[in-house]
PDB file of all heavy atoms in Angstrom:
ATOM      1  N   MET A   1     -62.349 -45.207  12.238  1.00  0.00           N
ATOM      2  CA  MET A   1     -61.728 -44.435  13.311  1.00  0.00           C
ATOM      3  C   MET A   1     -62.197 -44.854  14.707  1.00  0.00           C
ATOM      4  O   MET A   1     -61.380 -45.048  15.618  1.00  0.00           O
ATOM      5  CB  MET A   1     -61.976 -42.941  13.113  1.00  0.00           C
ATOM      6  CG  MET A   1     -61.310 -42.051  14.166  1.00  0.00           C
ATOM      7  SD  MET A   1     -59.500 -42.222  14.175  1.00  0.00           S
ATOM      8  CE  MET A   1     -59.100 -41.314  12.670  1.00  0.00           C
ATOM      9  N   GLU A   2     -63.496 -45.008  14.897  1.00  0.00           N
ATOM     10  CA  GLU A   2     -64.017 -45.316  16.221  1.00  0.00           C
ATOM     11  C   GLU A   2     -63.488 -46.671  16.715  1.00  0.00           C
ATOM     12  O   GLU A   2     -63.070 -46.816  17.865  1.00  0.00           O
ATOM     13  CB  GLU A   2     -65.547 -45.324  16.225  1.00  0.00           C
ATOM     14  CG  GLU A   2     -66.132 -45.519  17.618  1.00  0.00           C
ATOM     15  CD  GLU A   2     -67.647 -45.410  17.645  1.00  0.00           C
ATOM     16  OE1 GLU A   2     -68.243 -45.039  16.612  1.00  0.00           O
ATOM     17  OE2 GLU A   2     -68.216 -45.706  18.711  1.00  0.00           O
ATOM     18  N   ARG A   3     -63.488 -47.655  15.817  1.00  0.00           N
ATOM     19  CA  ARG A   3     -62.969 -48.978  16.200  1.00  0.00           C
ATOM     20  C   ARG A   3     -61.488 -48.904  16.536  1.00  0.00           C
ATOM     21  O   ARG A   3     -61.021 -49.516  17.505  1.00  0.00           O
ATOM     22  CB  ARG A   3     -63.194 -49.978  15.056  1.00  0.00           C
ATOM     23  CG  ARG A   3     -64.664 -50.292  14.784  1.00  0.00           C
ATOM     24  CD  ARG A   3     -64.820 -51.471  13.826  1.00  0.00           C
ATOM     25  NE  ARG A   3     -64.134 -51.253  12.555  1.00  0.00           N
ATOM     26  CZ  ARG A   3     -63.208 -52.068  12.052  1.00  0.00           C
ATOM     27  NH1 ARG A   3     -62.836 -53.159  12.708  1.00  0.00           N
ATOM     28  NH2 ARG A   3     -62.641 -51.810  10.894  1.00  0.00           N
ATOM     29  N   PHE A   4     -60.759 -48.128  15.733  1.00  0.00           N
ATOM     30  CA  PHE A   4     -59.318 -47.988  15.938  1.00  0.00           C
ATOM     31  C   PHE A   4     -59.024 -47.343  17.291  1.00  0.00           C
ATOM     32  O   PHE A   4     -58.154 -47.814  18.041  1.00  0.00           O
ATOM     33  CB  PHE A   4     -58.712 -47.148  14.808  1.00  0.00           C
ATOM     34  CG  PHE A   4     -57.229 -46.958  14.928  1.00  0.00           C
ATOM     35  CD1 PHE A   4     -56.350 -47.987  14.603  1.00  0.00           C
ATOM     36  CD2 PHE A   4     -56.707 -45.748  15.374  1.00  0.00           C
ATOM     37  CE1 PHE A   4     -54.972 -47.811  14.719  1.00  0.00           C
ATOM     38  CE2 PHE A   4     -55.339 -45.571  15.488  1.00  0.00           C
ATOM     39  CZ  PHE A   4     -54.472 -46.605  15.160  1.00  0.00           C
ATOM     40  N   LEU A   5     -59.754 -46.286  17.618  1.00  0.00           N
ATOM     41  CA  LEU A   5     -59.541 -45.586  18.886  1.00  0.00           C
ATOM     42  C   LEU A   5     -59.909 -46.458  20.081  1.00  0.00           C
ATOM     43  O   LEU A   5     -59.416 -46.246  21.194  1.00  0.00           O
ATOM     44  CB  LEU A   5     -60.336 -44.279  18.921  1.00  0.00           C
ATOM     45  CG  LEU A   5     -59.898 -43.211  17.908  1.00  0.00           C
ATOM     46  CD1 LEU A   5     -60.779 -41.977  18.018  1.00  0.00           C
ATOM     47  CD2 LEU A   5     -58.428 -42.836  18.111  1.00  0.00           C
ATOM     48  N   ASN A   6     -60.758 -47.442  19.847  1.00  0.00           N
ATOM     49  CA  ASN A   6     -61.141 -48.366  20.912  1.00  0.00           C
ATOM     50  C   ASN A   6     -60.191 -49.564  21.036  1.00  0.00           C
ATOM     51  O   ASN A   6     -60.447 -50.488  21.805  1.00  0.00           O
ATOM     52  CB  ASN A   6     -62.566 -48.873  20.686  1.00  0.00           C
ATOM     53  CG  ASN A   6     -63.596 -47.811  21.015  1.00  0.00           C
ATOM     54  OD1 ASN A   6     -63.383 -46.973  21.901  1.00  0.00           O
ATOM     55  ND2 ASN A   6     -64.714 -47.822  20.293  1.00  0.00           N
ATOM     56  N   GLY A   7     -59.109 -49.515  20.250  1.00  0.00           N
ATOM     57  CA  GLY A   7     -58.086 -50.538  20.385  1.00  0.00           C
ATOM     58  C   GLY A   7     -58.104 -51.636  19.351  1.00  0.00           C
ATOM     59  O   GLY A   7     -57.292 -52.570  19.422  1.00  0.00           O
ATOM     60  N   VAL A   8     -59.017 -51.548  18.363  1.00  0.00           N
ATOM     61  CA  VAL A   8     -59.093 -52.569  17.322  1.00  0.00           C
ATOM     62  C   VAL A   8     -57.950 -52.377  16.322  1.00  0.00           C
ATOM     63  O   VAL A   8     -57.711 -51.264  15.847  1.00  0.00           O
ATOM     64  CB  VAL A   8     -60.446 -52.520  16.590  1.00  0.00           C
ATOM     65  CG1 VAL A   8     -60.467 -53.524  15.432  1.00  0.00           C
ATOM     66  CG2 VAL A   8     -61.585 -52.782  17.557  1.00  0.00           C
ATOM     67  N   LYS A   9     -57.252 -53.447  15.968  1.00  0.00           N
ATOM     68  CA  LYS A   9     -56.208 -53.392  14.957  1.00  0.00           C
ATOM     69  C   LYS A   9     -56.842 -53.453  13.572  1.00  0.00           C
ATOM     70  O   LYS A   9     -57.745 -54.256  13.336  1.00  0.00           O
ATOM     71  CB  LYS A   9     -55.230 -54.558  15.134  1.00  0.00           C
ATOM     72  CG  LYS A   9     -54.478 -54.542  16.456  1.00  0.00           C
ATOM     73  CD  LYS A   9     -53.544 -55.749  16.565  1.00  0.00           C
ATOM     74  CE  LYS A   9     -52.815 -55.773  17.881  1.00  0.00           C
ATOM     75  NZ  LYS A   9     -51.909 -56.946  17.994  1.00  0.00           N
ATOM     76  N   LEU A  10     -56.354 -52.594  12.675  1.00  0.00           N
ATOM     77  CA  LEU A  10     -56.903 -52.533  11.325  1.00  0.00           C
ATOM     78  C   LEU A  10     -55.966 -53.203  10.326  1.00  0.00           C
ATOM     79  O   LEU A  10     -54.744 -53.112  10.441  1.00  0.00           O
ATOM     80  CB  LEU A  10     -57.129 -51.077  10.917  1.00  0.00           C
ATOM     81  CG  LEU A  10     -58.006 -50.219  11.847  1.00  0.00           C
ATOM     82  CD1 LEU A  10     -58.065 -48.789  11.332  1.00  0.00           C
ATOM     83  CD2 LEU A  10     -59.406 -50.807  11.963  1.00  0.00           C
ATOM     84  N   GLU A  11     -56.572 -53.871   9.352  1.00  0.00           N
ATOM     85  CA  GLU A  11     -55.787 -54.489   8.275  1.00  0.00           C
ATOM     86  C   GLU A  11     -55.126 -53.388   7.442  1.00  0.00           C
ATOM     87  O   GLU A  11     -55.704 -52.324   7.212  1.00  0.00           O
ATOM     88  CB  GLU A  11     -56.692 -55.329   7.383  1.00  0.00           C
ATOM     89  CG  GLU A  11     -57.367 -56.505   8.076  1.00  0.00           C
ATOM     90  CD  GLU A  11     -56.403 -57.632   8.403  1.00  0.00           C
ATOM     91  OE1 GLU A  11     -55.333 -57.692   7.745  1.00  0.00           O
ATOM     92  OE2 GLU A  11     -56.710 -58.431   9.314  1.00  0.00           O
ATOM     93  N   THR A  12     -53.885 -53.626   6.993  1.00  0.00           N
ATOM     94  CA  THR A  12     -53.178 -52.633   6.201  1.00  0.00           C
ATOM     95  C   THR A  12     -52.172 -53.303   5.279  1.00  0.00           C
ATOM     96  O   THR A  12     -51.740 -54.435   5.522  1.00  0.00           O
ATOM     97  CB  THR A  12     -52.439 -51.623   7.114  1.00  0.00           C
ATOM     98  OG1 THR A  12     -51.804 -50.627   6.308  1.00  0.00           O
ATOM     99  CG2 THR A  12     -51.392 -52.321   7.967  1.00  0.00           C
ATOM    100  N   LYS A  13     -51.782 -52.579   4.220  1.00  0.00           N
ATOM    101  CA  LYS A  13     -50.755 -53.052   3.309  1.00  0.00           C
ATOM    102  C   LYS A  13     -49.420 -52.350   3.562  1.00  0.00           C
ATOM    103  O   LYS A  13     -48.436 -52.607   2.870  1.00  0.00           O
ATOM    104  CB  LYS A  13     -51.196 -52.817   1.860  1.00  0.00           C
ATOM    105  CG  LYS A  13     -52.404 -53.661   1.445  1.00  0.00           C
ATOM    106  CD  LYS A  13     -52.773 -53.411  -0.007  1.00  0.00           C
ATOM    107  CE  LYS A  13     -53.985 -54.256  -0.434  1.00  0.00           C
ATOM    108  NZ  LYS A  13     -54.352 -54.009  -1.853  1.00  0.00           N
ATOM    109  N   PHE A  14     -49.413 -51.468   4.563  1.00  0.00           N
ATOM    110  CA  PHE A  14     -48.189 -50.730   4.870  1.00  0.00           C
ATOM    111  C   PHE A  14     -47.138 -51.652   5.508  1.00  0.00           C
ATOM    112  O   PHE A  14     -47.480 -52.641   6.160  1.00  0.00           O
ATOM    113  CB  PHE A  14     -48.500 -49.574   5.821  1.00  0.00           C
ATOM    114  CG  PHE A  14     -49.065 -48.357   5.146  1.00  0.00           C
ATOM    115  CD1 PHE A  14     -50.291 -48.405   4.495  1.00  0.00           C
ATOM    116  CD2 PHE A  14     -48.379 -47.150   5.168  1.00  0.00           C
ATOM    117  CE1 PHE A  14     -50.819 -47.288   3.880  1.00  0.00           C
ATOM    118  CE2 PHE A  14     -48.897 -46.024   4.559  1.00  0.00           C
ATOM    119  CZ  PHE A  14     -50.113 -46.088   3.906  1.00  0.00           C
ATOM    120  N   LYS A  15     -45.877 -51.297   5.340  1.00  0.00           N
ATOM    121  CA  LYS A  15     -44.780 -52.058   5.931  1.00  0.00           C
ATOM    122  C   LYS A  15     -44.715 -51.826   7.441  1.00  0.00           C
ATOM    123  O   LYS A  15     -45.234 -50.837   7.957  1.00  0.00           O
ATOM    124  CB  LYS A  15     -43.441 -51.636   5.301  1.00  0.00           C
ATOM    125  CG  LYS A  15     -43.320 -51.966   3.823  1.00  0.00           C
ATOM    126  CD  LYS A  15     -41.972 -51.499   3.285  1.00  0.00           C
ATOM    127  CE  LYS A  15     -41.832 -51.823   1.796  1.00  0.00           C
ATOM    128  NZ  LYS A  15     -40.531 -51.341   1.263  1.00  0.00           N
ATOM    129  N   ASP A  16     -44.052 -52.741   8.144  1.00  0.00           N
ATOM    130  CA  ASP A  16     -43.880 -52.597   9.592  1.00  0.00           C
ATOM    131  C   ASP A  16     -43.165 -51.283   9.921  1.00  0.00           C
ATOM    132  O   ASP A  16     -42.230 -50.874   9.210  1.00  0.00           O
ATOM    133  CB  ASP A  16     -43.062 -53.760  10.156  1.00  0.00           C
ATOM    134  CG  ASP A  16     -43.846 -55.060  10.201  1.00  0.00           C
ATOM    135  OD1 ASP A  16     -45.016 -55.064   9.770  1.00  0.00           O
ATOM    136  OD2 ASP A  16     -43.290 -56.073  10.660  1.00  0.00           O
ATOM    137  N   GLY A  17     -43.598 -50.636  10.986  1.00  0.00           N
ATOM    138  CA  GLY A  17     -42.964 -49.388  11.400  1.00  0.00           C
ATOM    139  C   GLY A  17     -43.927 -48.464  12.111  1.00  0.00           C
ATOM    140  O   GLY A  17     -45.088 -48.805  12.346  1.00  0.00           O
ATOM    141  N   ILE A  18     -43.425 -47.272  12.471  1.00  0.00           N
ATOM    142  CA  ILE A  18     -44.222 -46.251  13.138  1.00  0.00           C
ATOM    143  C   ILE A  18     -44.701 -45.229  12.106  1.00  0.00           C
ATOM    144  O   ILE A  18     -43.927 -44.771  11.269  1.00  0.00           O
ATOM    145  CB  ILE A  18     -43.409 -45.537  14.232  1.00  0.00           C
ATOM    146  CG1 ILE A  18     -42.914 -46.540  15.281  1.00  0.00           C
ATOM    147  CG2 ILE A  18     -44.240 -44.444  14.908  1.00  0.00           C
ATOM    148  CD1 ILE A  18     -44.009 -47.180  16.096  1.00  0.00           C
ATOM    149  N   TYR A  19     -45.994 -44.845  12.190  1.00  0.00           N
ATOM    150  CA  TYR A  19     -46.588 -43.900  11.247  1.00  0.00           C
ATOM    151  C   TYR A  19     -47.293 -42.775  12.003  1.00  0.00           C
ATOM    152  O   TYR A  19     -47.823 -42.987  13.092  1.00  0.00           O
ATOM    153  CB  TYR A  19     -47.597 -44.619  10.339  1.00  0.00           C
ATOM    154  CG  TYR A  19     -46.958 -45.636   9.421  1.00  0.00           C
ATOM    155  CD1 TYR A  19     -46.679 -46.931   9.871  1.00  0.00           C
ATOM    156  CD2 TYR A  19     -46.620 -45.307   8.122  1.00  0.00           C
ATOM    157  CE1 TYR A  19     -46.079 -47.861   9.045  1.00  0.00           C
ATOM    158  CE2 TYR A  19     -46.022 -46.230   7.283  1.00  0.00           C
ATOM    159  CZ  TYR A  19     -45.751 -47.512   7.752  1.00  0.00           C
ATOM    160  OH  TYR A  19     -45.153 -48.428   6.919  1.00  0.00           O
ATOM    161  N   LYS A  20     -47.291 -41.587  11.394  1.00  0.00           N
ATOM    162  CA  LYS A  20     -48.059 -40.479  11.969  1.00  0.00           C
ATOM    163  C   LYS A  20     -49.492 -40.586  11.453  1.00  0.00           C
ATOM    164  O   LYS A  20     -49.709 -40.784  10.253  1.00  0.00           O
ATOM    165  CB  LYS A  20     -47.434 -39.127  11.633  1.00  0.00           C
ATOM    166  CG  LYS A  20     -47.192 -38.854  10.160  1.00  0.00           C
ATOM    167  CD  LYS A  20     -46.456 -37.532   9.966  1.00  0.00           C
ATOM    168  CE  LYS A  20     -46.144 -37.291   8.488  1.00  0.00           C
ATOM    169  NZ  LYS A  20     -45.365 -36.061   8.269  1.00  0.00           N
ATOM    170  N   LEU A  21     -50.439 -40.469  12.344  1.00  0.00           N
ATOM    171  CA  LEU A  21     -51.843 -40.721  12.016  1.00  0.00           C
ATOM    172  C   LEU A  21     -52.643 -39.442  11.814  1.00  0.00           C
ATOM    173  O   LEU A  21     -52.473 -38.469  12.563  1.00  0.00           O
ATOM    174  CB  LEU A  21     -52.492 -41.536  13.136  1.00  0.00           C
ATOM    175  CG  LEU A  21     -51.835 -42.863  13.511  1.00  0.00           C
ATOM    176  CD1 LEU A  21     -52.576 -43.497  14.683  1.00  0.00           C
ATOM    177  CD2 LEU A  21     -51.803 -43.806  12.315  1.00  0.00           C
ATOM    178  N   TYR A  22     -53.531 -39.490  10.824  1.00  0.00           N
ATOM    179  CA  TYR A  22     -54.433 -38.367  10.549  1.00  0.00           C
ATOM    180  C   TYR A  22     -55.838 -38.918  10.301  1.00  0.00           C
ATOM    181  O   TYR A  22     -55.995 -40.051   9.841  1.00  0.00           O
ATOM    182  CB  TYR A  22     -53.975 -37.595   9.310  1.00  0.00           C
ATOM    183  CG  TYR A  22     -52.708 -36.808   9.515  1.00  0.00           C
ATOM    184  CD1 TYR A  22     -51.464 -37.434   9.527  1.00  0.00           C
ATOM    185  CD2 TYR A  22     -52.750 -35.425   9.690  1.00  0.00           C
ATOM    186  CE1 TYR A  22     -50.294 -36.721   9.721  1.00  0.00           C
ATOM    187  CE2 TYR A  22     -51.581 -34.693   9.881  1.00  0.00           C
ATOM    188  CZ  TYR A  22     -50.363 -35.338   9.896  1.00  0.00           C
ATOM    189  OH  TYR A  22     -49.219 -34.624  10.095  1.00  0.00           O
ATOM    190  N   ASN A  23     -56.834 -38.084  10.607  1.00  0.00           N
ATOM    191  CA  ASN A  23     -58.197 -38.478  10.239  1.00  0.00           C
ATOM    192  C   ASN A  23     -58.508 -37.955   8.838  1.00  0.00           C
ATOM    193  O   ASN A  23     -57.653 -37.331   8.186  1.00  0.00           O
ATOM    194  CB  ASN A  23     -59.211 -37.987  11.276  1.00  0.00           C
ATOM    195  CG  ASN A  23     -59.280 -36.463  11.360  1.00  0.00           C
ATOM    196  OD1 ASN A  23     -58.802 -35.759  10.469  1.00  0.00           O
ATOM    197  ND2 ASN A  23     -59.861 -35.958  12.431  1.00  0.00           N
ATOM    198  N   GLU A  24     -59.733 -38.167   8.378  1.00  0.00           N
ATOM    199  CA  GLU A  24     -60.104 -37.768   7.013  1.00  0.00           C
ATOM    200  C   GLU A  24     -60.065 -36.253   6.816  1.00  0.00           C
ATOM    201  O   GLU A  24     -59.942 -35.771   5.690  1.00  0.00           O
ATOM    202  CB  GLU A  24     -61.505 -38.289   6.686  1.00  0.00           C
ATOM    203  CG  GLU A  24     -61.528 -39.765   6.326  1.00  0.00           C
ATOM    204  CD  GLU A  24     -62.886 -40.196   5.791  1.00  0.00           C
ATOM    205  OE1 GLU A  24     -63.818 -39.368   5.803  1.00  0.00           O
ATOM    206  OE2 GLU A  24     -63.020 -41.353   5.366  1.00  0.00           O
ATOM    207  N   ASN A  25     -60.144 -35.511   7.912  1.00  0.00           N
ATOM    208  CA  ASN A  25     -60.102 -34.046   7.830  1.00  0.00           C
ATOM    209  C   ASN A  25     -58.674 -33.504   7.924  1.00  0.00           C
ATOM    210  O   ASN A  25     -58.473 -32.312   8.137  1.00  0.00           O
ATOM    211  CB  ASN A  25     -60.964 -33.434   8.940  1.00  0.00           C
ATOM    212  CG  ASN A  25     -62.419 -33.840   8.819  1.00  0.00           C
ATOM    213  OD1 ASN A  25     -62.959 -33.926   7.713  1.00  0.00           O
ATOM    214  ND2 ASN A  25     -63.054 -34.110   9.945  1.00  0.00           N
ATOM    215  N   ASN A  26     -57.704 -34.400   7.768  1.00  0.00           N
ATOM    216  CA  ASN A  26     -56.284 -34.056   7.813  1.00  0.00           C
ATOM    217  C   ASN A  26     -55.859 -33.507   9.169  1.00  0.00           C
ATOM    218  O   ASN A  26     -54.972 -32.663   9.276  1.00  0.00           O
ATOM    219  CB  ASN A  26     -55.931 -33.045   6.712  1.00  0.00           C
ATOM    220  CG  ASN A  26     -54.460 -33.127   6.338  1.00  0.00           C
ATOM    221  OD1 ASN A  26     -53.857 -34.202   6.333  1.00  0.00           O
ATOM    222  ND2 ASN A  26     -53.867 -31.990   6.022  1.00  0.00           N
ATOM    223  N   LEU A  27     -56.485 -33.984  10.237  1.00  0.00           N
ATOM    224  CA  LEU A  27     -56.139 -33.583  11.592  1.00  0.00           C
ATOM    225  C   LEU A  27     -55.212 -34.624  12.200  1.00  0.00           C
ATOM    226  O   LEU A  27     -55.517 -35.819  12.228  1.00  0.00           O
ATOM    227  CB  LEU A  27     -57.395 -33.436  12.452  1.00  0.00           C
ATOM    228  CG  LEU A  27     -57.175 -33.056  13.922  1.00  0.00           C
ATOM    229  CD1 LEU A  27     -56.637 -31.622  14.004  1.00  0.00           C
ATOM    230  CD2 LEU A  27     -58.476 -33.172  14.703  1.00  0.00           C
TER     231      LEU A  27
END
């Protein structure tokens, strides 16, 4: 999370598109 919020791109297997984001606490 911290790296992501600082602008780091994360590796993923998801398809291209827009996603709604949640943290581990479902926020």
